[in-house]
Protein backbone atom coordinates (compact mmCIF):
# COMPACT_ATOMS: atom_id res chain seq x y z
CA MET A 1 113.33 116.93 110.10
CA ALA A 2 115.77 117.31 107.23
CA ALA A 3 114.66 116.28 103.78
CA ARG A 4 115.81 112.88 102.63
CA ILE A 5 118.78 112.93 100.27
CA PRO A 6 117.93 110.73 97.25
CA SER A 7 121.53 109.75 96.56
CA LEU A 8 121.85 108.25 100.06
CA THR A 9 118.86 106.07 99.25
CA GLY A 10 120.30 105.14 95.88
CA ILE A 11 123.63 103.98 97.36
CA ARG A 12 121.66 101.25 99.12
CA THR A 13 121.16 99.68 95.69
CA VAL A 14 124.92 99.28 95.33
CA ALA A 15 125.09 97.65 98.76
CA ALA A 16 122.17 95.28 98.19
CA LEU A 17 123.31 94.10 94.76
CA SER A 18 126.87 93.64 96.03
CA VAL A 19 125.66 91.35 98.81
CA CYS A 20 123.51 89.38 96.36
CA LEU A 21 126.45 89.01 93.97
CA THR A 22 128.81 87.71 96.63
CA HIS A 23 126.23 85.18 97.81
CA ALA A 24 125.71 83.99 94.24
CA ALA A 25 129.49 83.58 93.97
CA PHE A 26 129.61 81.58 97.20
CA TRP A 27 126.70 79.29 96.37
CA THR A 28 128.12 78.49 92.92
CA GLY A 29 131.56 77.64 94.30
CA HIS A 30 133.53 80.73 93.26
CA TYR A 31 135.00 81.54 96.68
CA THR A 32 138.36 80.14 95.58
CA ASP A 33 141.51 81.19 97.42
CA ASP A 34 143.01 83.07 94.49
CA TYR A 35 142.72 86.72 93.52
CA LEU A 36 139.48 86.37 91.54
CA GLY A 37 137.85 84.20 94.18
CA ARG A 38 138.83 86.57 96.98
CA LEU A 39 137.64 89.57 94.96
CA LEU A 40 134.24 87.96 94.41
CA ALA A 41 134.05 87.28 98.13
CA ARG A 42 134.86 90.93 98.80
CA PHE A 43 131.56 92.04 97.32
CA GLU A 44 130.34 91.48 100.85
CA ILE A 45 131.49 95.12 101.04
CA GLY A 46 127.77 95.85 100.75
CA VAL A 47 127.49 95.05 104.47
CA ALA A 48 130.09 97.70 105.31
CA ILE A 49 128.23 100.22 103.13
CA PHE A 50 124.99 99.51 104.98
CA PHE A 51 126.71 99.82 108.37
CA VAL A 52 128.50 103.10 107.57
CA LEU A 53 125.27 104.51 106.20
CA SER A 54 123.39 103.50 109.35
CA GLY A 55 125.99 105.15 111.55
CA TYR A 56 125.73 108.34 109.52
CA LEU A 57 121.95 108.58 109.37
CA LEU A 58 121.25 107.56 112.96
CA PHE A 59 123.89 109.77 114.58
CA MET A 60 123.02 112.80 112.48
CA PRO A 61 120.11 113.89 114.76
CA TRP A 62 122.52 113.92 117.71
CA VAL A 63 124.97 116.08 115.79
CA ARG A 64 122.21 118.38 114.60
CA SER A 65 120.98 118.85 118.15
CA MET A 66 124.34 120.41 119.03
CA VAL A 67 124.67 122.46 115.86
CA ASP A 68 121.15 123.90 116.25
CA GLY A 69 121.24 124.16 120.04
CA ARG A 70 118.25 121.86 120.49
CA SER A 71 117.49 119.06 122.92
CA THR A 72 118.89 115.62 122.22
CA PRO A 73 116.70 113.18 120.25
CA SER A 74 113.95 111.33 122.07
CA VAL A 75 115.16 107.82 122.89
CA GLY A 76 111.64 106.44 122.97
CA ARG A 77 110.82 107.88 119.56
CA TYR A 78 114.11 106.58 118.18
CA PHE A 79 113.52 103.01 119.36
CA TRP A 80 109.94 103.06 118.08
CA HIS A 81 111.05 104.20 114.65
CA ARG A 82 113.76 101.53 114.47
CA ALA A 83 111.43 98.77 115.64
CA ARG A 84 108.60 99.52 113.23
CA ARG A 85 111.00 99.87 110.30
CA ILE A 86 113.05 96.72 110.94
CA LEU A 87 110.98 94.13 112.75
CA PRO A 88 107.71 93.67 110.79
CA ALA A 89 109.40 92.82 107.47
CA TYR A 90 112.04 90.75 109.25
CA TRP A 91 109.55 88.75 111.32
CA LEU A 92 107.36 88.13 108.30
CA THR A 93 110.36 86.89 106.32
CA VAL A 94 111.43 84.52 109.10
CA ILE A 95 107.93 83.10 109.47
CA VAL A 96 107.51 82.57 105.73
CA VAL A 97 110.92 80.89 105.41
CA TYR A 98 110.22 78.50 108.26
CA LEU A 99 106.81 77.65 106.79
CA LEU A 100 108.31 77.24 103.32
CA TYR A 101 110.94 74.82 104.55
CA ARG A 102 108.23 72.73 106.19
CA VAL A 103 106.77 71.88 102.76
CA TYR A 104 109.69 72.47 100.42
CA GLU A 105 113.38 72.20 101.09
CA PRO A 106 116.20 72.44 98.55
CA ALA A 107 118.34 69.33 98.44
CA ASP A 108 121.43 71.09 99.80
CA ALA A 109 119.71 73.01 102.60
CA ALA A 110 121.69 73.03 105.85
CA PRO A 111 119.99 71.17 108.74
CA THR A 112 120.69 73.94 111.27
CA GLY A 113 118.45 76.41 113.04
CA THR A 114 115.43 74.14 112.76
CA GLY A 115 112.75 73.49 115.37
CA TRP A 116 111.25 75.88 117.89
CA ASP A 117 114.60 76.77 119.40
CA GLY A 118 115.94 77.86 116.02
CA PHE A 119 112.73 79.75 115.28
CA VAL A 120 112.88 81.69 118.54
CA ARG A 121 116.56 82.42 118.01
CA ASN A 122 115.92 83.82 114.54
CA MET A 123 112.87 85.81 115.60
CA THR A 124 114.85 87.47 118.38
CA LEU A 125 118.01 88.01 116.31
CA THR A 126 120.09 85.92 118.70
CA GLN A 127 120.99 83.25 116.14
CA VAL A 128 124.61 84.38 115.98
CA TYR A 129 125.32 83.63 119.62
CA GLY A 130 126.46 80.04 119.42
CA LEU A 131 126.87 77.56 116.58
CA GLY A 132 124.01 75.81 114.80
CA HIS A 133 121.28 78.45 114.88
CA LEU A 134 121.54 79.92 111.36
CA HIS A 135 118.63 78.61 109.28
CA SER A 136 118.85 78.03 105.53
CA GLY A 137 117.46 80.98 103.62
CA LEU A 138 118.23 83.26 106.56
CA THR A 139 121.99 82.93 106.96
CA GLN A 140 122.62 86.54 105.90
CA MET A 141 120.74 87.78 108.97
CA TRP A 142 123.92 87.62 111.05
CA SER A 143 124.63 91.14 109.86
CA LEU A 144 121.21 92.38 110.94
CA ALA A 145 121.84 90.85 114.37
CA ALA A 146 125.05 92.89 114.57
CA GLU A 147 123.32 96.04 113.36
CA VAL A 148 120.57 95.77 115.97
CA VAL A 149 123.20 95.79 118.71
CA PHE A 150 124.43 99.11 117.34
CA TYR A 151 120.85 100.42 117.34
CA LEU A 152 120.56 99.53 121.01
CA ALA A 153 123.91 101.05 121.93
CA LEU A 154 123.59 104.31 119.99
CA PRO A 155 121.52 106.30 122.52
CA ALA A 156 124.05 105.58 125.26
CA ILE A 157 126.96 106.43 122.96
CA GLY A 158 125.20 109.60 121.82
CA TRP A 159 124.52 110.70 125.39
CA ILE A 160 128.14 110.13 126.43
CA LEU A 161 129.55 112.04 123.44
CA VAL A 162 127.01 114.86 123.24
CA VAL A 163 126.03 115.41 126.87
CA ALA A 164 128.90 114.11 129.01
CA VAL A 165 131.83 115.00 126.75
CA CYS A 166 130.65 118.02 124.74
CA ARG A 167 128.19 119.43 127.31
CA ARG A 168 125.64 119.84 124.50
CA ARG A 169 127.89 122.39 122.78
CA TRP A 170 129.01 122.05 119.16
CA ARG A 171 132.53 120.70 119.68
CA PRO A 172 133.47 118.71 116.57
CA ASP A 173 137.02 118.30 117.88
CA LEU A 174 135.82 116.48 120.99
CA LEU A 175 133.31 114.46 118.98
CA LEU A 176 135.92 113.26 116.52
CA ALA A 177 138.34 112.46 119.34
CA GLY A 178 135.68 110.39 121.08
CA LEU A 179 134.85 108.57 117.87
CA ALA A 180 138.55 107.87 117.28
CA VAL A 181 138.62 106.08 120.62
CA LEU A 182 135.52 104.08 119.68
CA MET A 183 137.22 103.06 116.43
CA LEU A 184 139.57 100.93 118.53
CA VAL A 185 136.75 98.57 119.53
CA SER A 186 136.89 96.45 116.37
CA PRO A 187 140.67 95.92 116.13
CA ILE A 188 140.87 95.15 119.85
CA TRP A 189 138.00 92.69 119.48
CA SER A 190 139.74 91.03 116.52
CA VAL A 191 142.91 90.52 118.55
CA VAL A 192 141.00 89.15 121.55
CA VAL A 193 138.94 86.73 119.46
CA ALA A 194 141.92 85.48 117.46
CA GLY A 195 144.05 85.05 120.55
CA SER A 196 141.52 83.35 122.83
CA ALA A 197 141.19 79.60 122.36
CA GLY A 198 138.17 79.33 124.65
CA ILE A 199 136.01 82.01 123.06
CA ASN A 200 132.97 81.01 121.02
CA PRO A 201 133.88 80.96 117.30
CA THR A 202 130.69 82.85 116.48
CA ALA A 203 132.21 85.85 118.27
CA ARG A 204 133.77 86.74 114.93
CA LEU A 205 130.26 87.72 113.80
CA TRP A 206 129.25 89.71 116.87
CA ALA A 207 128.69 93.45 116.71
CA PRO A 208 132.08 94.59 118.14
CA ALA A 209 133.81 92.99 115.15
CA PHE A 210 132.13 95.52 112.83
CA PHE A 211 131.67 98.44 115.19
CA GLY A 212 134.30 100.54 113.41
CA TRP A 213 132.12 100.78 110.32
CA PHE A 214 129.24 102.27 112.29
CA VAL A 215 131.63 104.68 114.00
CA ALA A 216 133.00 105.75 110.61
CA GLY A 217 129.46 106.68 109.61
CA MET A 218 129.07 108.65 112.82
CA GLY A 219 132.26 110.48 111.89
CA LEU A 220 130.75 111.37 108.53
CA ALA A 221 127.78 112.89 110.36
CA VAL A 222 130.20 115.23 112.12
CA CYS A 223 132.22 115.98 108.98
CA THR A 224 129.08 116.91 107.06
CA HIS A 225 129.08 120.17 109.02
CA LEU A 226 132.79 120.74 108.47
CA VAL A 227 133.47 119.72 104.85
CA ARG A 228 132.07 121.90 102.09
CA ARG A 229 133.58 120.05 99.13
CA TRP A 230 134.32 116.39 98.53
CA ASN A 231 135.82 115.39 95.19
CA ALA A 232 133.67 112.46 94.11
CA THR A 233 136.03 111.27 91.39
CA VAL A 234 139.04 111.06 93.69
CA SER A 235 136.96 109.51 96.46
CA PHE A 236 135.49 106.92 94.10
CA ALA A 237 138.95 106.07 92.75
CA VAL A 238 140.33 105.60 96.27
CA ALA A 239 137.39 103.31 97.06
CA ILE A 240 138.04 101.19 93.97
CA VAL A 241 141.75 100.91 94.73
CA ALA A 242 141.01 99.86 98.31
CA PHE A 243 138.54 97.28 97.05
CA LEU A 244 141.07 95.85 94.60
CA ILE A 245 143.71 95.68 97.34
CA SER A 246 141.24 93.77 99.52
CA GLY A 247 141.35 90.97 96.96
CA THR A 248 144.99 90.28 97.76
CA ALA A 249 146.10 87.83 100.43
CA ILE A 250 146.82 90.70 102.81
CA ALA A 251 143.10 90.82 103.67
CA GLY A 252 142.86 87.11 104.32
CA GLU A 253 141.01 84.22 102.77
CA PRO A 254 137.62 84.53 101.02
CA THR A 255 135.42 84.72 104.11
CA ILE A 256 133.77 87.46 106.15
CA THR A 257 135.99 86.64 109.14
CA PRO A 258 139.65 85.82 108.34
CA THR A 259 141.43 83.49 110.74
CA THR A 260 144.17 85.91 111.78
CA ALA A 261 143.72 89.19 113.62
CA SER A 262 146.08 91.03 111.24
CA ALA A 263 144.11 90.04 108.13
CA THR A 264 140.83 90.86 109.88
CA ILE A 265 142.03 94.35 110.82
CA VAL A 266 143.44 95.05 107.35
CA LYS A 267 140.22 93.92 105.74
CA HIS A 268 138.15 95.97 108.18
CA VAL A 269 140.12 99.12 107.37
CA LEU A 270 140.00 98.56 103.61
CA TYR A 271 136.23 98.03 103.72
CA LEU A 272 135.91 101.19 105.81
CA VAL A 273 137.85 103.15 103.17
CA VAL A 274 135.64 101.76 100.40
CA ALA A 275 132.39 102.54 102.20
CA VAL A 276 133.43 106.05 103.25
CA GLY A 277 134.81 106.72 99.78
CA LEU A 278 131.47 105.86 98.20
CA ILE A 279 129.20 107.49 100.78
CA GLY A 280 131.25 110.56 101.72
CA PRO A 281 130.61 112.62 98.55
CA LEU A 282 126.87 112.01 99.00
CA THR A 283 126.78 113.62 102.44
CA ILE A 284 127.75 117.14 101.40
CA ARG A 285 125.26 119.78 100.28
CA ASP A 286 126.51 119.93 96.70
CA GLN A 287 124.70 117.09 94.97
CA SER A 288 125.61 118.13 91.43
CA GLY A 289 128.50 115.71 90.91
CA TRP A 290 128.33 112.66 88.65
CA TRP A 291 128.36 110.16 91.49
CA ALA A 292 125.54 111.91 93.34
CA ARG A 293 123.50 112.14 90.12
CA CYS A 294 124.05 108.44 89.45
CA CYS A 295 122.94 107.39 92.93
CA ALA A 296 120.00 109.82 92.82
CA SER A 297 118.70 108.44 89.52
CA ARG A 298 115.16 107.07 89.63
CA PRO A 299 116.07 103.37 89.18
CA MET A 300 118.72 103.56 91.91
CA VAL A 301 116.41 105.34 94.35
CA TRP A 302 113.51 102.99 93.60
CA LEU A 303 115.55 99.88 94.29
CA GLY A 304 117.21 101.60 97.22
CA GLU A 305 113.78 102.11 98.78
CA ILE A 306 113.24 98.34 98.87
CA SER A 307 116.87 97.39 99.48
CA TYR A 308 116.17 96.26 103.05
CA GLU A 309 113.42 93.92 101.91
CA PHE A 310 115.63 92.76 99.04
CA PHE A 311 118.33 91.92 101.57
CA LEU A 312 115.84 89.97 103.66
CA VAL A 313 114.54 87.73 100.88
CA HIS A 314 117.42 87.29 98.45
CA VAL A 315 119.11 84.30 100.13
CA VAL A 316 115.99 82.15 100.31
CA VAL A 317 115.26 83.13 96.70
CA LEU A 318 118.83 82.19 95.76
CA GLU A 319 118.53 78.77 97.37
CA VAL A 320 115.24 78.05 95.60
CA VAL A 321 116.57 79.37 92.28
CA MET A 322 119.66 77.17 92.59
CA ASP A 323 117.44 74.15 93.21
CA LEU A 324 115.13 74.93 90.30
CA LEU A 325 118.11 75.44 87.97
CA GLY A 326 119.46 72.06 89.01
CA TYR A 327 122.58 73.56 90.56
CA GLY A 328 124.04 71.64 93.46
CA VAL A 329 125.74 73.63 96.17
CA PHE A 330 129.08 75.04 94.93
CA THR A 331 128.18 74.34 91.29
CA GLY A 332 126.54 76.27 88.48
CA SER A 333 126.87 79.61 86.73
CA MET A 334 127.40 82.59 89.00
CA PRO A 335 126.05 85.19 86.50
CA ILE A 336 122.89 83.16 85.89
CA ALA A 337 122.34 82.60 89.61
CA PHE A 338 122.86 86.30 90.32
CA VAL A 339 120.59 87.57 87.55
CA ALA A 340 117.84 85.04 88.28
CA THR A 341 117.97 85.74 92.01
CA THR A 342 117.83 89.48 91.46
CA ALA A 343 114.97 89.18 88.97
CA VAL A 344 112.86 87.17 91.42
CA SER A 345 113.91 89.00 94.59
CA VAL A 346 112.97 92.48 93.33
CA PRO A 347 109.20 91.85 92.99
CA VAL A 348 109.15 89.79 96.18
CA ALA A 349 110.92 92.61 98.02
CA TRP A 350 108.53 95.16 96.55
CA LEU A 351 105.56 93.14 97.79
CA LEU A 352 107.08 92.77 101.25
CA HIS A 353 107.74 96.51 101.28
CA ARG A 354 104.13 97.29 100.35
CA VAL A 355 102.72 94.90 102.95
CA THR A 356 104.76 96.29 105.84
CA ALA A 357 104.96 99.97 104.85
CA PRO A 358 101.63 100.93 106.53
CA LEU A 359 103.17 100.01 109.88
CA TRP A 360 105.76 102.79 109.46
CA ARG A 361 102.97 105.36 109.60
CA LEU A 362 101.78 104.30 113.04
CA ARG A 363 101.93 107.13 115.53
CA THR A 364 104.84 107.13 117.91
CA PRO A 365 103.66 106.35 121.43
CA ARG A 366 104.61 109.01 123.96
CA ALA A 367 107.60 107.65 125.83
CA VAL A 368 108.63 108.43 129.37
CA GLY A 369 110.66 111.60 129.28
CA ASP A 370 109.43 112.57 125.80
CA HIS A 371 107.89 116.05 126.22
CA ARG A 372 107.97 117.10 122.61
């Protein structure tokens, strides 16, 4: 197993804080349909960063199996690792939020996703399939529901690309061609959803809508073995420019899913450029650049280690903080809400991380077909 790259852990801090910032902007009423409001909404870019990073890290073992001439990764081991990393902290968060809202509920909490049906939906990450299942304090979990679909699909995609297409040989040209085809999933989905009156409106949040970001990460896993140098300064500048462009009307209104297919596709591509621009320089062997050093710094890596747990708890913390500060929904100070939410979420996330971390060390059960 390759050693963990600290800077790739540290970049998670950027993603987590970006998501928290955009939620603080939304809750305090700063998602206005002007440039500043759209730009604040675009800090949801943290989701794209998480997705690209997942695609890179999870497809890398498949790429390495070809480069090194080894067998493909064990599917059973892969699913076990994903389950024990994702589910315990998630399930505990859902249970605590539902219990909390039984005894304490902010005045502006949405009355959706309640009852046993809502609980089961949230525990099984099926809350995005149909309206009315997102529970207050857990609304950000739509992205985790999309990510889990990618987790489930990756072994099949990996087998098709590595075994069926490349015949287990190191053929980066065929890999990249196959990934280019997969990149079409998201724009096609955007066109279908926007042009179909009868389709469920929640389809805008389903995994195919964001599949291109995962595929971009998979492409980075291939390029890691092809690219020796990646200018971090230029890449960072391109990412910033793409982010600033995303704040214009060309990328749609301040929402995760614009109403038109064209705006959705433009926004998807711009977010992809931002995420790849920030993550790309961190995937090469040379980690001496300023951006890699920044992301590999101890504070960034420390918070990156608990970024998943931070993501899980920050919305419920935000809702409680807003209530305690006396902010009604769409009112209040965004900086204060962001700072207060971050200050409270960090220790809560650290505790959740410590409670669930022992489960990661459980031995992987021998799966059918796993002879290693």
